[in-house]
PDB file of N, CA and C in Angstrom:
ATOM      1  N   MET A   1      14.521   4.402   5.273  1.00  0.00           N
ATOM      2  CA  MET A   1      13.693   3.343   4.712  1.00  0.00           C
ATOM      3  C   MET A   1      12.637   3.974   3.811  1.00  0.00           C
ATOM      4  N   SER A   2      12.185   3.237   2.822  1.00  0.00           N
ATOM      5  CA  SER A   2      11.154   3.735   1.913  1.00  0.00           C
ATOM      6  C   SER A   2       9.783   3.174   2.296  1.00  0.00           C
ATOM      7  N   LEU A   3       8.750   3.826   1.806  1.00  0.00           N
ATOM      8  CA  LEU A   3       7.389   3.372   2.078  1.00  0.00           C
ATOM      9  C   LEU A   3       7.175   1.952   1.552  1.00  0.00           C
ATOM     10  N   LEU A   4       7.684   1.651   0.355  1.00  0.00           N
ATOM     11  CA  LEU A   4       7.512   0.305  -0.206  1.00  0.00           C
ATOM     12  C   LEU A   4       8.168  -0.753   0.675  1.00  0.00           C
ATOM     13  N   LYS A   5       9.377  -0.476   1.158  1.00  0.00           N
ATOM     14  CA  LYS A   5      10.061  -1.438   2.037  1.00  0.00           C
ATOM     15  C   LYS A   5       9.292  -1.630   3.332  1.00  0.00           C
ATOM     16  N   GLU A   6       8.806  -0.525   3.890  1.00  0.00           N
ATOM     17  CA  GLU A   6       8.053  -0.624   5.140  1.00  0.00           C
ATOM     18  C   GLU A   6       6.778  -1.435   4.953  1.00  0.00           C
ATOM     19  N   LEU A   7       6.050  -1.160   3.882  1.00  0.00           N
ATOM     20  CA  LEU A   7       4.809  -1.898   3.634  1.00  0.00           C
ATOM     21  C   LEU A   7       5.075  -3.385   3.450  1.00  0.00           C
ATOM     22  N   ASN A   8       6.095  -3.728   2.674  1.00  0.00           N
ATOM     23  CA  ASN A   8       6.424  -5.145   2.479  1.00  0.00           C
ATOM     24  C   ASN A   8       6.778  -5.814   3.801  1.00  0.00           C
ATOM     25  N   SER A   9       7.545  -5.146   4.648  1.00  0.00           N
ATOM     26  CA  SER A   9       7.921  -5.711   5.950  1.00  0.00           C
ATOM     27  C   SER A   9       6.718  -5.890   6.860  1.00  0.00           C
ATOM     28  N   LEU A  10       5.826  -4.886   6.879  1.00  0.00           N
ATOM     29  CA  LEU A  10       4.650  -4.956   7.740  1.00  0.00           C
ATOM     30  C   LEU A  10       3.650  -6.019   7.291  1.00  0.00           C
ATOM     31  N   LEU A  11       3.525  -6.199   5.980  1.00  0.00           N
ATOM     32  CA  LEU A  11       2.491  -7.102   5.455  1.00  0.00           C
ATOM     33  C   LEU A  11       2.973  -8.536   5.281  1.00  0.00           C
ATOM     34  N   GLU A  12       4.271  -8.750   5.270  1.00  0.00           N
ATOM     35  CA  GLU A  12       4.815 -10.101   5.072  1.00  0.00           C
ATOM     36  C   GLU A  12       4.265 -11.134   6.060  1.00  0.00           C
ATOM     37  N   PRO A  13       4.149 -10.811   7.362  1.00  0.00           N
ATOM     38  CA  PRO A  13       3.620 -11.814   8.309  1.00  0.00           C
ATOM     39  C   PRO A  13       2.193 -12.268   8.017  1.00  0.00           C
ATOM     40  N   ILE A  14       1.431 -11.492   7.267  1.00  0.00           N
ATOM     41  CA  ILE A  14       0.054 -11.885   6.937  1.00  0.00           C
ATOM     42  C   ILE A  14       0.058 -13.106   6.018  1.00  0.00           C
ATOM     43  N   GLY A  15       1.121 -13.256   5.229  1.00  0.00           N
ATOM     44  CA  GLY A  15       1.265 -14.449   4.396  1.00  0.00           C
ATOM     45  C   GLY A  15       0.590 -14.369   3.042  1.00  0.00           C
ATOM     46  N   ILE A  16       0.256 -13.180   2.596  1.00  0.00           N
ATOM     47  CA  ILE A  16      -0.364 -13.018   1.289  1.00  0.00           C
ATOM     48  C   ILE A  16       0.715 -12.554   0.304  1.00  0.00           C
ATOM     49  N   PRO A  17       0.713 -13.057  -0.933  1.00  0.00           N
ATOM     50  CA  PRO A  17       1.699 -12.592  -1.913  1.00  0.00           C
ATOM     51  C   PRO A  17       1.545 -11.095  -2.182  1.00  0.00           C
ATOM     52  N   ILE A  18       2.691 -10.388  -2.248  1.00  0.00           N
ATOM     53  CA  ILE A  18       2.712  -8.949  -2.477  1.00  0.00           C
ATOM     54  C   ILE A  18       3.702  -8.647  -3.589  1.00  0.00           C
ATOM     55  N   GLU A  19       3.277  -7.816  -4.545  1.00  0.00           N
ATOM     56  CA  GLU A  19       4.181  -7.370  -5.603  1.00  0.00           C
ATOM     57  C   GLU A  19       3.976  -5.884  -5.821  1.00  0.00           C
ATOM     58  N   THR A  20       4.923  -5.257  -6.488  1.00  0.00           N
ATOM     59  CA  THR A  20       4.856  -3.830  -6.770  1.00  0.00           C
ATOM     60  C   THR A  20       4.523  -3.601  -8.237  1.00  0.00           C
ATOM     61  N   GLY A  21       3.539  -2.745  -8.487  1.00  0.00           N
ATOM     62  CA  GLY A  21       3.178  -2.365  -9.852  1.00  0.00           C
ATOM     63  C   GLY A  21       2.184  -3.280 -10.520  1.00  0.00           C
ATOM     64  N   VAL A  22       2.541  -4.535 -10.666  1.00  0.00           N
ATOM     65  CA  VAL A  22       1.677  -5.521 -11.322  1.00  0.00           C
ATOM     66  C   VAL A  22       2.062  -6.905 -10.794  1.00  0.00           C
ATOM     67  N   PHE A  23       1.091  -7.813 -10.745  1.00  0.00           N
ATOM     68  CA  PHE A  23       1.394  -9.167 -10.284  1.00  0.00           C
ATOM     69  C   PHE A  23       1.949  -9.967 -11.449  1.00  0.00           C
ATOM     70  N   SER A  24       3.150 -10.486 -11.284  1.00  0.00           N
ATOM     71  CA  SER A  24       3.767 -11.275 -12.356  1.00  0.00           C
ATOM     72  C   SER A  24       3.392 -12.749 -12.189  1.00  0.00           C
ATOM     73  N   GLY A  25       3.273 -13.418 -13.271  1.00  0.00           N
ATOM     74  CA  GLY A  25       2.920 -14.833 -13.221  1.00  0.00           C
ATOM     75  C   GLY A  25       1.435 -15.043 -13.016  1.00  0.00           C
ATOM     76  N   LYS A  26       1.084 -16.286 -12.696  1.00  0.00           N
ATOM     77  CA  LYS A  26      -0.319 -16.647 -12.470  1.00  0.00           C
ATOM     78  C   LYS A  26      -0.723 -16.207 -11.064  1.00  0.00           C
ATOM     79  N   PRO A  27      -1.699 -15.316 -10.944  1.00  0.00           N
ATOM     80  CA  PRO A  27      -2.078 -14.823  -9.617  1.00  0.00           C
ATOM     81  C   PRO A  27      -2.820 -15.875  -8.799  1.00  0.00           C
ATOM     82  N   PRO A  28      -2.557 -15.905  -7.488  1.00  0.00           N
ATOM     83  CA  PRO A  28      -3.295 -16.807  -6.587  1.00  0.00           C
ATOM     84  C   PRO A  28      -4.692 -16.243  -6.314  1.00  0.00           C
ATOM     85  N   ASP A  29      -5.455 -16.913  -5.469  1.00  0.00           N
ATOM     86  CA  ASP A  29      -6.814 -16.461  -5.165  1.00  0.00           C
ATOM     87  C   ASP A  29      -6.846 -15.150  -4.390  1.00  0.00           C
ATOM     88  N   GLU A  30      -5.773 -14.840  -3.656  1.00  0.00           N
ATOM     89  CA  GLU A  30      -5.677 -13.578  -2.926  1.00  0.00           C
ATOM     90  C   GLU A  30      -4.263 -13.043  -3.057  1.00  0.00           C
ATOM     91  N   TYR A  31      -4.153 -11.744  -3.335  1.00  0.00           N
ATOM     92  CA  TYR A  31      -2.842 -11.104  -3.433  1.00  0.00           C
ATOM     93  C   TYR A  31      -2.994  -9.598  -3.342  1.00  0.00           C
ATOM     94  N   VAL A  32      -1.854  -8.922  -3.126  1.00  0.00           N
ATOM     95  CA  VAL A  32      -1.828  -7.468  -3.020  1.00  0.00           C
ATOM     96  C   VAL A  32      -0.818  -6.928  -4.023  1.00  0.00           C
ATOM     97  N   VAL A  33      -1.198  -5.850  -4.702  1.00  0.00           N
ATOM     98  CA  VAL A  33      -0.277  -5.114  -5.569  1.00  0.00           C
ATOM     99  C   VAL A  33      -0.126  -3.720  -4.979  1.00  0.00           C
ATOM    100  N   ILE A  34       1.122  -3.308  -4.737  1.00  0.00           N
ATOM    101  CA  ILE A  34       1.403  -1.971  -4.224  1.00  0.00           C
ATOM    102  C   ILE A  34       1.832  -1.090  -5.393  1.00  0.00           C
ATOM    103  N   THR A  35       1.141   0.031  -5.549  1.00  0.00           N
ATOM    104  CA  THR A  35       1.455   0.972  -6.619  1.00  0.00           C
ATOM    105  C   THR A  35       1.897   2.300  -6.004  1.00  0.00           C
ATOM    106  N   PRO A  36       3.155   2.693  -6.213  1.00  0.00           N
ATOM    107  CA  PRO A  36       3.583   4.013  -5.718  1.00  0.00           C
ATOM    108  C   PRO A  36       2.778   5.097  -6.429  1.00  0.00           C
ATOM    109  N   MET A  37       2.307   6.094  -5.665  1.00  0.00           N
ATOM    110  CA  MET A  37       1.461   7.137  -6.258  1.00  0.00           C
ATOM    111  C   MET A  37       2.105   8.520  -6.239  1.00  0.00           C
ATOM    112  N   ALA A  38       2.863   8.838  -5.203  1.00  0.00           N
ATOM    113  CA  ALA A  38       3.463  10.172  -5.110  1.00  0.00           C
ATOM    114  C   ALA A  38       4.706  10.116  -4.236  1.00  0.00           C
ATOM    115  N   ASP A  39       5.595  11.028  -4.505  1.00  0.00           N
ATOM    116  CA  ASP A  39       6.842  11.169  -3.757  1.00  0.00           C
ATOM    117  C   ASP A  39       7.169  12.664  -3.775  1.00  0.00           C
ATOM    118  N   ARG A  40       6.477  13.411  -2.880  1.00  0.00           N
ATOM    119  CA  ARG A  40       6.523  14.877  -2.930  1.00  0.00           C
ATOM    120  C   ARG A  40       7.491  15.464  -1.915  1.00  0.00           C
ATOM    121  N   LEU A  41       8.104  16.574  -2.291  1.00  0.00           N
ATOM    122  CA  LEU A  41       8.872  17.390  -1.370  1.00  0.00           C
ATOM    123  C   LEU A  41       7.925  18.479  -0.901  1.00  0.00           C
ATOM    124  N   GLU A  42       7.448  18.359   0.328  1.00  0.00           N
ATOM    125  CA  GLU A  42       6.377  19.230   0.791  1.00  0.00           C
ATOM    126  C   GLU A  42       6.830  20.407   1.647  1.00  0.00           C
ATOM    127  N   PHE A  43       7.847  20.212   2.460  1.00  0.00           N
ATOM    128  CA  PHE A  43       8.189  21.230   3.436  1.00  0.00           C
ATOM    129  C   PHE A  43       9.554  21.806   3.135  1.00  0.00           C
ATOM    130  N   TYR A  44       9.633  23.109   3.208  1.00  0.00           N
ATOM    131  CA  TYR A  44      10.868  23.793   2.840  1.00  0.00           C
ATOM    132  C   TYR A  44      11.273  24.775   3.937  1.00  0.00           C
ATOM    133  N   ALA A  45      12.563  24.896   4.174  1.00  0.00           N
ATOM    134  CA  ALA A  45      13.126  25.901   5.075  1.00  0.00           C
ATOM    135  C   ALA A  45      14.388  26.399   4.394  1.00  0.00           C
ATOM    136  N   ASP A  46      14.527  27.692   4.270  1.00  0.00           N
ATOM    137  CA  ASP A  46      15.678  28.267   3.561  1.00  0.00           C
ATOM    138  C   ASP A  46      15.793  27.693   2.151  1.00  0.00           C
ATOM    139  N   ASN A  47      14.623  27.476   1.503  1.00  0.00           N
ATOM    140  CA  ASN A  47      14.562  26.951   0.139  1.00  0.00           C
ATOM    141  C   ASN A  47      15.163  25.553  -0.003  1.00  0.00           C
ATOM    142  N   GLN A  48      15.166  24.791   1.062  1.00  0.00           N
ATOM    143  CA  GLN A  48      15.692  23.428   1.039  1.00  0.00           C
ATOM    144  C   GLN A  48      14.603  22.449   1.463  1.00  0.00           C
ATOM    145  N   ALA A  49      14.484  21.385   0.723  1.00  0.00           N
ATOM    146  CA  ALA A  49      13.523  20.334   1.097  1.00  0.00           C
ATOM    147  C   ALA A  49      14.096  19.533   2.256  1.00  0.00           C
ATOM    148  N   HIS A  50      13.277  19.337   3.281  1.00  0.00           N
ATOM    149  CA  HIS A  50      13.710  18.564   4.442  1.00  0.00           C
ATOM    150  C   HIS A  50      12.849  17.324   4.664  1.00  0.00           C
ATOM    151  N   THR A  51      11.694  17.267   4.008  1.00  0.00           N
ATOM    152  CA  THR A  51      10.756  16.182   4.224  1.00  0.00           C
ATOM    153  C   THR A  51      10.195  15.692   2.894  1.00  0.00           C
ATOM    154  N   VAL A  52       9.977  14.364   2.826  1.00  0.00           N
ATOM    155  CA  VAL A  52       9.357  13.734   1.661  1.00  0.00           C
ATOM    156  C   VAL A  52       8.039  13.119   2.119  1.00  0.00           C
ATOM    157  N   ILE A  53       6.983  13.326   1.343  1.00  0.00           N
ATOM    158  CA  ILE A  53       5.704  12.663   1.574  1.00  0.00           C
ATOM    159  C   ILE A  53       5.578  11.570   0.513  1.00  0.00           C
ATOM    160  N   ALA A  54       5.552  10.328   0.955  1.00  0.00           N
ATOM    161  CA  ALA A  54       5.422   9.188   0.046  1.00  0.00           C
ATOM    162  C   ALA A  54       4.001   8.637   0.157  1.00  0.00           C
ATOM    163  N   GLU A  55       3.401   8.337  -0.996  1.00  0.00           N
ATOM    164  CA  GLU A  55       2.048   7.779  -1.032  1.00  0.00           C
ATOM    165  C   GLU A  55       2.017   6.550  -1.927  1.00  0.00           C
ATOM    166  N   ALA A  56       1.145   5.612  -1.575  1.00  0.00           N
ATOM    167  CA  ALA A  56       1.000   4.389  -2.371  1.00  0.00           C
ATOM    168  C   ALA A  56      -0.431   3.876  -2.242  1.00  0.00           C
ATOM    169  N   ARG A  57      -0.815   3.050  -3.193  1.00  0.00           N
ATOM    170  CA  ARG A  57      -2.108   2.364  -3.145  1.00  0.00           C
ATOM    171  C   ARG A  57      -1.863   0.874  -3.043  1.00  0.00           C
ATOM    172  N   LEU A  58      -2.510   0.244  -2.076  1.00  0.00           N
ATOM    173  CA  LEU A  58      -2.505  -1.206  -1.959  1.00  0.00           C
ATOM    174  C   LEU A  58      -3.799  -1.706  -2.575  1.00  0.00           C
ATOM    175  N   SER A  59      -3.688  -2.512  -3.610  1.00  0.00           N
ATOM    176  CA  SER A  59      -4.862  -3.103  -4.249  1.00  0.00           C
ATOM    177  C   SER A  59      -4.943  -4.555  -3.814  1.00  0.00           C
ATOM    178  N   LEU A  60      -5.971  -4.852  -3.041  1.00  0.00           N
ATOM    179  CA  LEU A  60      -6.225  -6.211  -2.579  1.00  0.00           C
ATOM    180  C   LEU A  60      -7.153  -6.873  -3.582  1.00  0.00           C
ATOM    181  N   PHE A  61      -6.740  -8.029  -4.086  1.00  0.00           N
ATOM    182  CA  PHE A  61      -7.552  -8.818  -5.003  1.00  0.00           C
ATOM    183  C   PHE A  61      -7.874 -10.140  -4.324  1.00  0.00           C
ATOM    184  N   SER A  62      -9.160 -10.499  -4.298  1.00  0.00           N
ATOM    185  CA  SER A  62      -9.562 -11.732  -3.630  1.00  0.00           C
ATOM    186  C   SER A  62     -10.746 -12.365  -4.345  1.00  0.00           C
ATOM    187  N   LYS A  63     -10.666 -13.675  -4.497  1.00  0.00           N
ATOM    188  CA  LYS A  63     -11.783 -14.429  -5.069  1.00  0.00           C
ATOM    189  C   LYS A  63     -12.738 -14.894  -3.968  1.00  0.00           C
ATOM    190  N   ARG A  64     -12.359 -14.623  -2.716  1.00  0.00           N
ATOM    191  CA  ARG A  64     -13.181 -15.009  -1.565  1.00  0.00           C
ATOM    192  C   ARG A  64     -13.688 -13.745  -0.869  1.00  0.00           C
ATOM    193  N   ASN A  65     -14.263 -13.927   0.302  1.00  0.00           N
ATOM    194  CA  ASN A  65     -14.684 -12.795   1.117  1.00  0.00           C
ATOM    195  C   ASN A  65     -13.427 -12.066   1.599  1.00  0.00           C
ATOM    196  N   TYR A  66     -13.262 -10.823   1.201  1.00  0.00           N
ATOM    197  CA  TYR A  66     -12.043 -10.058   1.450  1.00  0.00           C
ATOM    198  C   TYR A  66     -12.058  -9.290   2.778  1.00  0.00           C
ATOM    199  N   LEU A  67     -13.185  -9.257   3.507  1.00  0.00           N
ATOM    200  CA  LEU A  67     -13.343  -8.384   4.664  1.00  0.00           C
ATOM    201  C   LEU A  67     -12.328  -8.657   5.780  1.00  0.00           C
ATOM    202  N   SER A  68     -12.102  -9.911   6.111  1.00  0.00           N
ATOM    203  CA  SER A  68     -11.140 -10.243   7.161  1.00  0.00           C
ATOM    204  C   SER A  68      -9.723  -9.831   6.753  1.00  0.00           C
ATOM    205  N   LEU A  69      -9.369 -10.091   5.532  1.00  0.00           N
ATOM    206  CA  LEU A  69      -8.043  -9.734   5.031  1.00  0.00           C
ATOM    207  C   LEU A  69      -7.875  -8.218   4.987  1.00  0.00           C
ATOM    208  N   LYS A  70      -8.924  -7.493   4.628  1.00  0.00           N
ATOM    209  CA  LYS A  70      -8.899  -6.026   4.632  1.00  0.00           C
ATOM    210  C   LYS A  70      -8.569  -5.511   6.030  1.00  0.00           C
ATOM    211  N   GLU A  71      -9.182  -6.092   7.047  1.00  0.00           N
ATOM    212  CA  GLU A  71      -8.933  -5.661   8.424  1.00  0.00           C
ATOM    213  C   GLU A  71      -7.519  -6.019   8.878  1.00  0.00           C
ATOM    214  N   GLN A  72      -7.020  -7.177   8.478  1.00  0.00           N
ATOM    215  CA  GLN A  72      -5.635  -7.552   8.812  1.00  0.00           C
ATOM    216  C   GLN A  72      -4.647  -6.574   8.194  1.00  0.00           C
ATOM    217  N   LEU A  73      -4.859  -6.215   6.934  1.00  0.00           N
ATOM    218  CA  LEU A  73      -3.991  -5.255   6.263  1.00  0.00           C
ATOM    219  C   LEU A  73      -4.058  -3.894   6.960  1.00  0.00           C
ATOM    220  N   THR A  74      -5.260  -3.463   7.307  1.00  0.00           N
ATOM    221  CA  THR A  74      -5.441  -2.177   7.983  1.00  0.00           C
ATOM    222  C   THR A  74      -4.693  -2.143   9.305  1.00  0.00           C
ATOM    223  N   ARG A  75      -4.843  -3.183  10.118  1.00  0.00           N
ATOM    224  CA  ARG A  75      -4.148  -3.227  11.412  1.00  0.00           C
ATOM    225  C   ARG A  75      -2.637  -3.216  11.236  1.00  0.00           C
ATOM    226  N   ALA A  76      -2.141  -3.980  10.268  1.00  0.00           N
ATOM    227  CA  ALA A  76      -0.698  -4.033  10.029  1.00  0.00           C
ATOM    228  C   ALA A  76      -0.157  -2.668   9.585  1.00  0.00           C
ATOM    229  N   ILE A  77      -0.870  -2.004   8.693  1.00  0.00           N
ATOM    230  CA  ILE A  77      -0.449  -0.691   8.200  1.00  0.00           C
ATOM    231  C   ILE A  77      -0.412   0.319   9.342  1.00  0.00           C
ATOM    232  N   LEU A  78      -1.470   0.370  10.128  1.00  0.00           N
ATOM    233  CA  LEU A  78      -1.533   1.322  11.231  1.00  0.00           C
ATOM    234  C   LEU A  78      -0.486   1.030  12.305  1.00  0.00           C
ATOM    235  N   SER A  79      -0.151  -0.236  12.508  1.00  0.00           N
ATOM    236  CA  SER A  79       0.873  -0.583  13.502  1.00  0.00           C
ATOM    237  C   SER A  79       2.245  -0.040  13.112  1.00  0.00           C
ATOM    238  N   GLY A  80       2.453   0.200  11.825  1.00  0.00           N
ATOM    239  CA  GLY A  80       3.711   0.767  11.344  1.00  0.00           C
ATOM    240  C   GLY A  80       3.698   2.277  11.278  1.00  0.00           C
ATOM    241  N   GLU A  81       2.683   2.896  11.902  1.00  0.00           N
ATOM    242  CA  GLU A  81       2.546   4.349  11.927  1.00  0.00           C
ATOM    243  C   GLU A  81       2.497   4.952  10.529  1.00  0.00           C
ATOM    244  N   ILE A  82       1.825   4.234   9.636  1.00  0.00           N
ATOM    245  CA  ILE A  82       1.561   4.715   8.277  1.00  0.00           C
ATOM    246  C   ILE A  82       0.106   5.173   8.249  1.00  0.00           C
ATOM    247  N   THR A  83      -0.139   6.327   7.672  1.00  0.00           N
ATOM    248  CA  THR A  83      -1.477   6.900   7.629  1.00  0.00           C
ATOM    249  C   THR A  83      -2.282   6.308   6.472  1.00  0.00           C
ATOM    250  N   ILE A  84      -3.500   5.886   6.770  1.00  0.00           N
ATOM    251  CA  ILE A  84      -4.424   5.442   5.726  1.00  0.00           C
ATOM    252  C   ILE A  84      -5.262   6.649   5.333  1.00  0.00           C
ATOM    253  N   THR A  85      -5.168   7.036   4.067  1.00  0.00           N
ATOM    254  CA  THR A  85      -5.893   8.221   3.593  1.00  0.00           C
ATOM    255  C   THR A  85      -7.224   7.874   2.945  1.00  0.00           C
ATOM    256  N   ASP A  86      -7.396   6.620   2.531  1.00  0.00           N
ATOM    257  CA  ASP A  86      -8.654   6.207   1.904  1.00  0.00           C
ATOM    258  C   ASP A  86      -8.728   4.693   1.862  1.00  0.00           C
ATOM    259  N   ARG A  87      -9.932   4.162   1.996  1.00  0.00           N
ATOM    260  CA  ARG A  87     -10.209   2.736   1.778  1.00  0.00           C
ATOM    261  C   ARG A  87     -11.495   2.676   0.983  1.00  0.00           C
ATOM    262  N   GLN A  88     -11.482   1.889  -0.098  1.00  0.00           N
ATOM    263  CA  GLN A  88     -12.707   1.800  -0.890  1.00  0.00           C
ATOM    264  C   GLN A  88     -12.777   0.501  -1.677  1.00  0.00           C
ATOM    265  N   TYR A  89     -14.003   0.029  -1.814  1.00  0.00           N
ATOM    266  CA  TYR A  89     -14.269  -1.132  -2.653  1.00  0.00           C
ATOM    267  C   TYR A  89     -14.339  -0.644  -4.088  1.00  0.00           C
ATOM    268  N   ILE A  90     -13.457  -1.153  -4.929  1.00  0.00           N
ATOM    269  CA  ILE A  90     -13.415  -0.739  -6.327  1.00  0.00           C
ATOM    270  C   ILE A  90     -14.492  -1.478  -7.122  1.00  0.00           C
ATOM    271  N   GLY A  91     -14.647  -2.770  -6.834  1.00  0.00           N
ATOM    272  CA  GLY A  91     -15.695  -3.525  -7.508  1.00  0.00           C
ATOM    273  C   GLY A  91     -15.309  -4.969  -7.749  1.00  0.00           C
ATOM    274  N   PHE A  92     -16.260  -5.704  -8.295  1.00  0.00           N
ATOM    275  CA  PHE A  92     -16.042  -7.094  -8.670  1.00  0.00           C
ATOM    276  C   PHE A  92     -15.707  -7.123 -10.151  1.00  0.00           C
ATOM    277  N   GLU A  93     -14.605  -7.780 -10.469  1.00  0.00           N
ATOM    278  CA  GLU A  93     -14.168  -7.849 -11.861  1.00  0.00           C
ATOM    279  C   GLU A  93     -14.727  -9.132 -12.483  1.00  0.00           C
ATOM    280  N   ASN A  94     -15.714  -8.985 -13.342  1.00  0.00           N
ATOM    281  CA  ASN A  94     -16.390 -10.137 -13.937  1.00  0.00           C
ATOM    282  C   ASN A  94     -15.447 -11.027 -14.735  1.00  0.00           C
ATOM    283  N   ASP A  95     -14.487 -10.421 -15.432  1.00  0.00           N
ATOM    284  CA  ASP A  95     -13.597 -11.216 -16.281  1.00  0.00           C
ATOM    285  C   ASP A  95     -12.607 -12.061 -15.468  1.00  0.00           C
ATOM    286  N   THR A  96     -12.155 -11.550 -14.322  1.00  0.00           N
ATOM    287  CA  THR A  96     -11.168 -12.293 -13.520  1.00  0.00           C
ATOM    288  C   THR A  96     -11.782 -12.977 -12.302  1.00  0.00           C
ATOM    289  N   LYS A  97     -12.992 -12.563 -11.917  1.00  0.00           N
ATOM    290  CA  LYS A  97     -13.717 -13.082 -10.744  1.00  0.00           C
ATOM    291  C   LYS A  97     -13.066 -12.666  -9.425  1.00  0.00           C
ATOM    292  N   TYR A  98     -12.350 -11.542  -9.431  1.00  0.00           N
ATOM    293  CA  TYR A  98     -11.732 -11.002  -8.220  1.00  0.00           C
ATOM    294  C   TYR A  98     -12.533  -9.819  -7.700  1.00  0.00           C
ATOM    295  N   HIS A  99     -12.650  -9.738  -6.361  1.00  0.00           N
ATOM    296  CA  HIS A  99     -13.073  -8.506  -5.709  1.00  0.00           C
ATOM    297  C   HIS A  99     -11.822  -7.640  -5.639  1.00  0.00           C
ATOM    298  N   HIS A 100     -11.965  -6.341  -5.874  1.00  0.00           N
ATOM    299  CA  HIS A 100     -10.838  -5.413  -5.837  1.00  0.00           C
ATOM    300  C   HIS A 100     -11.137  -4.364  -4.773  1.00  0.00           C
ATOM    301  N   TYR A 101     -10.262  -4.300  -3.762  1.00  0.00           N
ATOM    302  CA  TYR A 101     -10.402  -3.343  -2.668  1.00  0.00           C
ATOM    303  C   TYR A 101      -9.115  -2.539  -2.578  1.00  0.00           C
ATOM    304  N   ALA A 102      -9.207  -1.211  -2.469  1.00  0.00           N
ATOM    305  CA  ALA A 102      -8.029  -0.345  -2.453  1.00  0.00           C
ATOM    306  C   ALA A 102      -7.853   0.314  -1.089  1.00  0.00           C
ATOM    307  N   ILE A 103      -6.593   0.370  -0.653  1.00  0.00           N
ATOM    308  CA  ILE A 103      -6.223   1.085   0.566  1.00  0.00           C
ATOM    309  C   ILE A 103      -5.110   2.055   0.175  1.00  0.00           C
ATOM    310  N   ASP A 104      -5.374   3.352   0.313  1.00  0.00           N
ATOM    311  CA  ASP A 104      -4.381   4.373   0.007  1.00  0.00           C
ATOM    312  C   ASP A 104      -3.676   4.791   1.289  1.00  0.00           C
ATOM    313  N   VAL A 105      -2.356   4.914   1.214  1.00  0.00           N
ATOM    314  CA  VAL A 105      -1.552   5.212   2.398  1.00  0.00           C
ATOM    315  C   VAL A 105      -0.551   6.319   2.104  1.00  0.00           C
ATOM    316  N   MET A 106      -0.050   6.949   3.189  1.00  0.00           N
ATOM    317  CA  MET A 106       1.005   7.943   3.050  1.00  0.00           C
ATOM    318  C   MET A 106       1.837   7.971   4.320  1.00  0.00           C
ATOM    319  N   LYS A 107       3.100   8.393   4.142  1.00  0.00           N
ATOM    320  CA  LYS A 107       3.982   8.555   5.291  1.00  0.00           C
ATOM    321  C   LYS A 107       4.988   9.652   4.992  1.00  0.00           C
ATOM    322  N   GLU A 108       5.320  10.393   6.024  1.00  0.00           N
ATOM    323  CA  GLU A 108       6.285  11.481   5.927  1.00  0.00           C
ATOM    324  C   GLU A 108       7.651  10.976   6.377  1.00  0.00           C
ATOM    325  N   TYR A 109       8.679  11.307   5.606  1.00  0.00           N
ATOM    326  CA  TYR A 109      10.054  10.886   5.902  1.00  0.00           C
ATOM    327  C   TYR A 109      10.960  12.105   5.892  1.00  0.00           C
ATOM    328  N   GLU A 110      11.956  12.094   6.767  1.00  0.00           N
ATOM    329  CA  GLU A 110      13.002  13.108   6.704  1.00  0.00           C
ATOM    330  C   GLU A 110      13.875  12.817   5.496  1.00  0.00           C
ATOM    331  N   MET A 111      14.322  13.879   4.843  1.00  0.00           N
ATOM    332  CA  MET A 111      15.243  13.720   3.707  1.00  0.00           C
ATOM    333  C   MET A 111      16.560  13.119   4.213  1.00  0.00           C
ATOM    334  N   GLU A 112      17.071  12.141   3.490  1.00  0.00           N
ATOM    335  CA  GLU A 112      18.359  11.543   3.848  1.00  0.00           C
ATOM    336  C   GLU A 112      19.483  12.523   3.580  1.00  0.00           C
ATOM    337  N   GLY A 113      20.484  12.494   4.443  1.00  0.00           N
ATOM    338  CA  GLY A 113      21.651  13.339   4.245  1.00  0.00           C
ATOM    339  C   GLY A 113      21.452  14.774   4.689  1.00  0.00           C
ATOM    340  N   MET A 114      20.360  15.065   5.392  1.00  0.00           N
ATOM    341  CA  MET A 114      20.123  16.435   5.860  1.00  0.00           C
ATOM    342  C   MET A 114      20.688  16.614   7.252  1.00  0.00           C
TER     343      MET A 114
END
């Protein structure tokens, strides 16, 4: 399974729209965009990669108070044994009227076919 698939499965029960890369169409008052950030081969044995480190950023956009939703996302991510490497408030976007909050995540996967 990939990090993107896992995140979509874990976050789906929360009921917030989720898209990858960019939100297509007219965005609702609250939504999440998942941006893949890294897909590294980190560990080697006998010059062969055996593990992949996948990283992504979840950008939460909300026109309301985002704190409760931030905690729901955090609990869901951690329940899937995905590591949260950073959480930060990016800021209020005056032009769109959205609060932007970022959650960076990573997970280690065994290489398929090894």
